[in-house]
Amino acid sequence: MSSLKENEQVSEEEIISFCKYRLTRFKVPEYVEFITELPRTSVGKIQKHILRIWHEEGVKNI
């Protein structure tokens, strides 16, 4: 997972076309969700279970 540097922008279409060029067809995402910050533990690891909950609930632009 990666984040953009300050004052950079990217669209969903740009990410998907980037993936189409570099990945096999079945691995290319159908859509992209943007969030402002990843949930992390006190150690700094990404809390993937929280991301799954957000995805199931349809939370966007957190």
PDB file of N, CA and C in Angstrom:
ATOM      1  N   MET A   1       0.844  -1.162   0.000  1.00  0.00           N
ATOM      2  CA  MET A   1       0.000   0.000   0.000  1.00  0.00           C
ATOM      3  C   MET A   1       0.891   1.227   0.000  1.00  0.00           C
ATOM      4  N   SER A   2       0.427   2.222  -0.661  1.00  0.00           N
ATOM      5  CA  SER A   2       1.238   3.413  -0.806  1.00  0.00           C
ATOM      6  C   SER A   2       0.370   4.645  -0.667  1.00  0.00           C
ATOM      7  N   SER A   3       1.030   5.761  -0.442  1.00  0.00           N
ATOM      8  CA  SER A   3       0.293   7.018  -0.351  1.00  0.00           C
ATOM      9  C   SER A   3       0.933   8.040  -1.273  1.00  0.00           C
ATOM     10  N   LEU A   4       0.156   9.047  -1.615  1.00  0.00           N
ATOM     11  CA  LEU A   4       0.640  10.096  -2.502  1.00  0.00           C
ATOM     12  C   LEU A   4       1.449  11.124  -1.715  1.00  0.00           C
ATOM     13  N   LYS A   5       2.376  11.722  -2.393  1.00  0.00           N
ATOM     14  CA  LYS A   5       3.119  12.816  -1.783  1.00  0.00           C
ATOM     15  C   LYS A   5       2.244  14.063  -1.799  1.00  0.00           C
ATOM     16  N   GLU A   6       2.652  15.048  -1.054  1.00  0.00           N
ATOM     17  CA  GLU A   6       1.882  16.289  -0.969  1.00  0.00           C
ATOM     18  C   GLU A   6       1.730  16.928  -2.349  1.00  0.00           C
ATOM     19  N   ASN A   7       0.541  17.426  -2.639  1.00  0.00           N
ATOM     20  CA  ASN A   7       0.191  18.101  -3.895  1.00  0.00           C
ATOM     21  C   ASN A   7       0.195  17.172  -5.110  1.00  0.00           C
ATOM     22  N   GLU A   8       0.102  15.868  -4.912  1.00  0.00           N
ATOM     23  CA  GLU A   8      -0.017  14.927  -6.023  1.00  0.00           C
ATOM     24  C   GLU A   8      -1.447  14.404  -6.083  1.00  0.00           C
ATOM     25  N   GLN A   9      -1.891  14.086  -7.298  1.00  0.00           N
ATOM     26  CA  GLN A   9      -3.233  13.557  -7.486  1.00  0.00           C
ATOM     27  C   GLN A   9      -3.175  12.386  -8.447  1.00  0.00           C
ATOM     28  N   VAL A  10      -4.109  11.468  -8.269  1.00  0.00           N
ATOM     29  CA  VAL A  10      -4.226  10.329  -9.168  1.00  0.00           C
ATOM     30  C   VAL A  10      -5.704   9.945  -9.217  1.00  0.00           C
ATOM     31  N   SER A  11      -6.138   9.473 -10.359  1.00  0.00           N
ATOM     32  CA  SER A  11      -7.545   9.083 -10.503  1.00  0.00           C
ATOM     33  C   SER A  11      -7.667   7.560 -10.456  1.00  0.00           C
ATOM     34  N   GLU A  12      -8.886   7.109 -10.274  1.00  0.00           N
ATOM     35  CA  GLU A  12      -9.160   5.677 -10.254  1.00  0.00           C
ATOM     36  C   GLU A  12      -8.786   5.057 -11.594  1.00  0.00           C
ATOM     37  N   GLU A  13      -9.088   5.749 -12.679  1.00  0.00           N
ATOM     38  CA  GLU A  13      -8.779   5.233 -14.010  1.00  0.00           C
ATOM     39  C   GLU A  13      -7.272   5.081 -14.222  1.00  0.00           C
ATOM     40  N   GLU A  14      -6.486   6.021 -13.707  1.00  0.00           N
ATOM     41  CA  GLU A  14      -5.031   5.932 -13.854  1.00  0.00           C
ATOM     42  C   GLU A  14      -4.474   4.720 -13.118  1.00  0.00           C
ATOM     43  N   ILE A  15      -4.987   4.447 -11.937  1.00  0.00           N
ATOM     44  CA  ILE A  15      -4.515   3.301 -11.169  1.00  0.00           C
ATOM     45  C   ILE A  15      -4.892   2.000 -11.867  1.00  0.00           C
ATOM     46  N   ILE A  16      -6.115   1.918 -12.354  1.00  0.00           N
ATOM     47  CA  ILE A  16      -6.559   0.702 -13.026  1.00  0.00           C
ATOM     48  C   ILE A  16      -5.780   0.477 -14.315  1.00  0.00           C
ATOM     49  N   SER A  17      -5.526   1.514 -15.088  1.00  0.00           N
ATOM     50  CA  SER A  17      -4.755   1.345 -16.328  1.00  0.00           C
ATOM     51  C   SER A  17      -3.307   0.956 -16.017  1.00  0.00           C
ATOM     52  N   PHE A  18      -2.742   1.492 -14.925  1.00  0.00           N
ATOM     53  CA  PHE A  18      -1.406   1.101 -14.490  1.00  0.00           C
ATOM     54  C   PHE A  18      -1.373  -0.388 -14.171  1.00  0.00           C
ATOM     55  N   CYS A  19      -2.394  -0.870 -13.475  1.00  0.00           N
ATOM     56  CA  CYS A  19      -2.481  -2.285 -13.119  1.00  0.00           C
ATOM     57  C   CYS A  19      -2.672  -3.162 -14.352  1.00  0.00           C
ATOM     58  N   LYS A  20      -3.480  -2.706 -15.309  1.00  0.00           N
ATOM     59  CA  LYS A  20      -3.711  -3.483 -16.536  1.00  0.00           C
ATOM     60  C   LYS A  20      -2.409  -3.715 -17.284  1.00  0.00           C
ATOM     61  N   TYR A  21      -1.523  -2.729 -17.249  1.00  0.00           N
ATOM     62  CA  TYR A  21      -0.252  -2.825 -17.959  1.00  0.00           C
ATOM     63  C   TYR A  21       0.705  -3.798 -17.272  1.00  0.00           C
ATOM     64  N   ARG A  22       0.637  -3.889 -15.933  1.00  0.00           N
ATOM     65  CA  ARG A  22       1.623  -4.646 -15.182  1.00  0.00           C
ATOM     66  C   ARG A  22       1.134  -5.961 -14.579  1.00  0.00           C
ATOM     67  N   LEU A  23      -0.174  -6.183 -14.534  1.00  0.00           N
ATOM     68  CA  LEU A  23      -0.716  -7.386 -13.905  1.00  0.00           C
ATOM     69  C   LEU A  23      -1.464  -8.241 -14.915  1.00  0.00           C
ATOM     70  N   THR A  24      -1.638  -9.517 -14.567  1.00  0.00           N
ATOM     71  CA  THR A  24      -2.478 -10.366 -15.401  1.00  0.00           C
ATOM     72  C   THR A  24      -3.931  -9.921 -15.238  1.00  0.00           C
ATOM     73  N   ARG A  25      -4.754 -10.257 -16.200  1.00  0.00           N
ATOM     74  CA  ARG A  25      -6.114  -9.719 -16.265  1.00  0.00           C
ATOM     75  C   ARG A  25      -6.949 -10.006 -15.013  1.00  0.00           C
ATOM     76  N   PHE A  26      -6.828 -11.205 -14.445  1.00  0.00           N
ATOM     77  CA  PHE A  26      -7.670 -11.527 -13.296  1.00  0.00           C
ATOM     78  C   PHE A  26      -7.231 -10.816 -12.011  1.00  0.00           C
ATOM     79  N   LYS A  27      -6.032 -10.225 -12.000  1.00  0.00           N
ATOM     80  CA  LYS A  27      -5.554  -9.511 -10.822  1.00  0.00           C
ATOM     81  C   LYS A  27      -5.848  -8.009 -10.860  1.00  0.00           C
ATOM     82  N   VAL A  28      -6.307  -7.499 -11.974  1.00  0.00           N
ATOM     83  CA  VAL A  28      -6.589  -6.066 -12.110  1.00  0.00           C
ATOM     84  C   VAL A  28      -7.836  -5.721 -11.298  1.00  0.00           C
ATOM     85  N   PRO A  29      -7.768  -4.708 -10.437  1.00  0.00           N
ATOM     86  CA  PRO A  29      -8.941  -4.364  -9.624  1.00  0.00           C
ATOM     87  C   PRO A  29     -10.077  -3.801 -10.466  1.00  0.00           C
ATOM     88  N   GLU A  30     -11.311  -4.072 -10.030  1.00  0.00           N
ATOM     89  CA  GLU A  30     -12.488  -3.548 -10.724  1.00  0.00           C
ATOM     90  C   GLU A  30     -12.751  -2.103 -10.333  1.00  0.00           C
ATOM     91  N   TYR A  31     -12.384  -1.749  -9.116  1.00  0.00           N
ATOM     92  CA  TYR A  31     -12.556  -0.379  -8.626  1.00  0.00           C
ATOM     93  C   TYR A  31     -11.489  -0.077  -7.584  1.00  0.00           C
ATOM     94  N   VAL A  32     -11.346   1.191  -7.258  1.00  0.00           N
ATOM     95  CA  VAL A  32     -10.349   1.642  -6.291  1.00  0.00           C
ATOM     96  C   VAL A  32     -11.051   2.507  -5.257  1.00  0.00           C
ATOM     97  N   GLU A  33     -10.742   2.288  -3.986  1.00  0.00           N
ATOM     98  CA  GLU A  33     -11.290   3.113  -2.920  1.00  0.00           C
ATOM     99  C   GLU A  33     -10.169   3.976  -2.354  1.00  0.00           C
ATOM    100  N   PHE A  34     -10.449   5.262  -2.169  1.00  0.00           N
ATOM    101  CA  PHE A  34      -9.466   6.184  -1.620  1.00  0.00           C
ATOM    102  C   PHE A  34      -9.812   6.496  -0.171  1.00  0.00           C
ATOM    103  N   ILE A  35      -8.821   6.409   0.710  1.00  0.00           N
ATOM    104  CA  ILE A  35      -8.991   6.823   2.089  1.00  0.00           C
ATOM    105  C   ILE A  35      -7.844   7.756   2.443  1.00  0.00           C
ATOM    106  N   THR A  36      -8.077   8.626   3.411  1.00  0.00           N
ATOM    107  CA  THR A  36      -7.054   9.624   3.749  1.00  0.00           C
ATOM    108  C   THR A  36      -5.958   9.070   4.640  1.00  0.00           C
ATOM    109  N   GLU A  37      -6.295   8.071   5.463  1.00  0.00           N
ATOM    110  CA  GLU A  37      -5.300   7.531   6.377  1.00  0.00           C
ATOM    111  C   GLU A  37      -5.598   6.070   6.665  1.00  0.00           C
ATOM    112  N   LEU A  38      -4.560   5.248   6.723  1.00  0.00           N
ATOM    113  CA  LEU A  38      -4.725   3.834   7.026  1.00  0.00           C
ATOM    114  C   LEU A  38      -4.777   3.638   8.539  1.00  0.00           C
ATOM    115  N   PRO A  39      -5.675   2.760   9.018  1.00  0.00           N
ATOM    116  CA  PRO A  39      -5.710   2.481  10.456  1.00  0.00           C
ATOM    117  C   PRO A  39      -4.476   1.674  10.854  1.00  0.00           C
ATOM    118  N   ARG A  40      -3.797   2.117  11.898  1.00  0.00           N
ATOM    119  CA  ARG A  40      -2.560   1.461  12.330  1.00  0.00           C
ATOM    120  C   ARG A  40      -2.606   1.131  13.815  1.00  0.00           C
ATOM    121  N   THR A  41      -1.824   0.110  14.174  1.00  0.00           N
ATOM    122  CA  THR A  41      -1.682  -0.247  15.578  1.00  0.00           C
ATOM    123  C   THR A  41      -0.682   0.708  16.224  1.00  0.00           C
ATOM    124  N   SER A  42      -0.491   0.562  17.522  1.00  0.00           N
ATOM    125  CA  SER A  42       0.474   1.420  18.212  1.00  0.00           C
ATOM    126  C   SER A  42       1.904   1.152  17.752  1.00  0.00           C
ATOM    127  N   VAL A  43       2.147  -0.035  17.195  1.00  0.00           N
ATOM    128  CA  VAL A  43       3.464  -0.388  16.674  1.00  0.00           C
ATOM    129  C   VAL A  43       3.660   0.145  15.258  1.00  0.00           C
ATOM    130  N   GLY A  44       2.553   0.455  14.566  1.00  0.00           N
ATOM    131  CA  GLY A  44       2.637   0.995  13.217  1.00  0.00           C
ATOM    132  C   GLY A  44       2.181   0.049  12.125  1.00  0.00           C
ATOM    133  N   LYS A  45       1.737  -1.147  12.496  1.00  0.00           N
ATOM    134  CA  LYS A  45       1.243  -2.090  11.491  1.00  0.00           C
ATOM    135  C   LYS A  45      -0.156  -1.684  11.034  1.00  0.00           C
ATOM    136  N   ILE A  46      -0.457  -1.971   9.771  1.00  0.00           N
ATOM    137  CA  ILE A  46      -1.770  -1.659   9.221  1.00  0.00           C
ATOM    138  C   ILE A  46      -2.788  -2.663   9.759  1.00  0.00           C
ATOM    139  N   GLN A  47      -3.915  -2.159  10.244  1.00  0.00           N
ATOM    140  CA  GLN A  47      -4.972  -3.010  10.782  1.00  0.00           C
ATOM    141  C   GLN A  47      -5.896  -3.443   9.636  1.00  0.00           C
ATOM    142  N   LYS A  48      -5.549  -4.567   9.021  1.00  0.00           N
ATOM    143  CA  LYS A  48      -6.288  -5.034   7.854  1.00  0.00           C
ATOM    144  C   LYS A  48      -7.718  -5.424   8.194  1.00  0.00           C
ATOM    145  N   HIS A  49      -7.962  -5.906   9.407  1.00  0.00           N
ATOM    146  CA  HIS A  49      -9.325  -6.279   9.781  1.00  0.00           C
ATOM    147  C   HIS A  49     -10.237  -5.052   9.821  1.00  0.00           C
ATOM    148  N   ILE A  50      -9.703  -3.898  10.181  1.00  0.00           N
ATOM    149  CA  ILE A  50     -10.479  -2.655  10.164  1.00  0.00           C
ATOM    150  C   ILE A  50     -10.794  -2.266   8.723  1.00  0.00           C
ATOM    151  N   LEU A  51      -9.842  -2.428   7.814  1.00  0.00           N
ATOM    152  CA  LEU A  51     -10.083  -2.133   6.398  1.00  0.00           C
ATOM    153  C   LEU A  51     -11.180  -3.033   5.835  1.00  0.00           C
ATOM    154  N   ARG A  52     -11.187  -4.313   6.238  1.00  0.00           N
ATOM    155  CA  ARG A  52     -12.242  -5.230   5.775  1.00  0.00           C
ATOM    156  C   ARG A  52     -13.615  -4.785   6.267  1.00  0.00           C
ATOM    157  N   ILE A  53     -13.687  -4.354   7.534  1.00  0.00           N
ATOM    158  CA  ILE A  53     -14.954  -3.876   8.091  1.00  0.00           C
ATOM    159  C   ILE A  53     -15.421  -2.644   7.330  1.00  0.00           C
ATOM    160  N   TRP A  54     -14.521  -1.706   7.083  1.00  0.00           N
ATOM    161  CA  TRP A  54     -14.879  -0.494   6.335  1.00  0.00           C
ATOM    162  C   TRP A  54     -15.401  -0.868   4.958  1.00  0.00           C
ATOM    163  N   HIS A  55     -14.740  -1.826   4.311  1.00  0.00           N
ATOM    164  CA  HIS A  55     -15.153  -2.240   2.968  1.00  0.00           C
ATOM    165  C   HIS A  55     -16.556  -2.863   2.999  1.00  0.00           C
ATOM    166  N   GLU A  56     -16.801  -3.725   3.981  1.00  0.00           N
ATOM    167  CA  GLU A  56     -18.115  -4.380   4.102  1.00  0.00           C
ATOM    168  C   GLU A  56     -19.227  -3.369   4.380  1.00  0.00           C
ATOM    169  N   GLU A  57     -18.914  -2.337   5.167  1.00  0.00           N
ATOM    170  CA  GLU A  57     -19.910  -1.340   5.525  1.00  0.00           C
ATOM    171  C   GLU A  57     -20.069  -0.248   4.472  1.00  0.00           C
ATOM    172  N   GLY A  58     -19.152  -0.235   3.511  1.00  0.00           N
ATOM    173  CA  GLY A  58     -19.227   0.762   2.456  1.00  0.00           C
ATOM    174  C   GLY A  58     -18.745   2.131   2.873  1.00  0.00           C
ATOM    175  N   VAL A  59     -17.852   2.184   3.853  1.00  0.00           N
ATOM    176  CA  VAL A  59     -17.314   3.457   4.315  1.00  0.00           C
ATOM    177  C   VAL A  59     -16.379   4.010   3.260  1.00  0.00           C
ATOM    178  N   LYS A  60     -16.567   5.279   2.901  1.00  0.00           N
ATOM    179  CA  LYS A  60     -15.730   5.913   1.880  1.00  0.00           C
ATOM    180  C   LYS A  60     -15.186   7.240   2.394  1.00  0.00           C
ATOM    181  N   ASN A  61     -14.038   7.610   1.872  1.00  0.00           N
ATOM    182  CA  ASN A  61     -13.405   8.904   2.165  1.00  0.00           C
ATOM    183  C   ASN A  61     -13.269   9.179   3.661  1.00  0.00           C
ATOM    184  N   ILE A  62     -12.620   8.278   4.345  1.00  0.00           N
ATOM    185  CA  ILE A  62     -12.426   8.435   5.784  1.00  0.00           C
ATOM    186  C   ILE A  62     -11.239   9.335   6.037  1.00  0.00           C
TER     187      ILE A  62
END
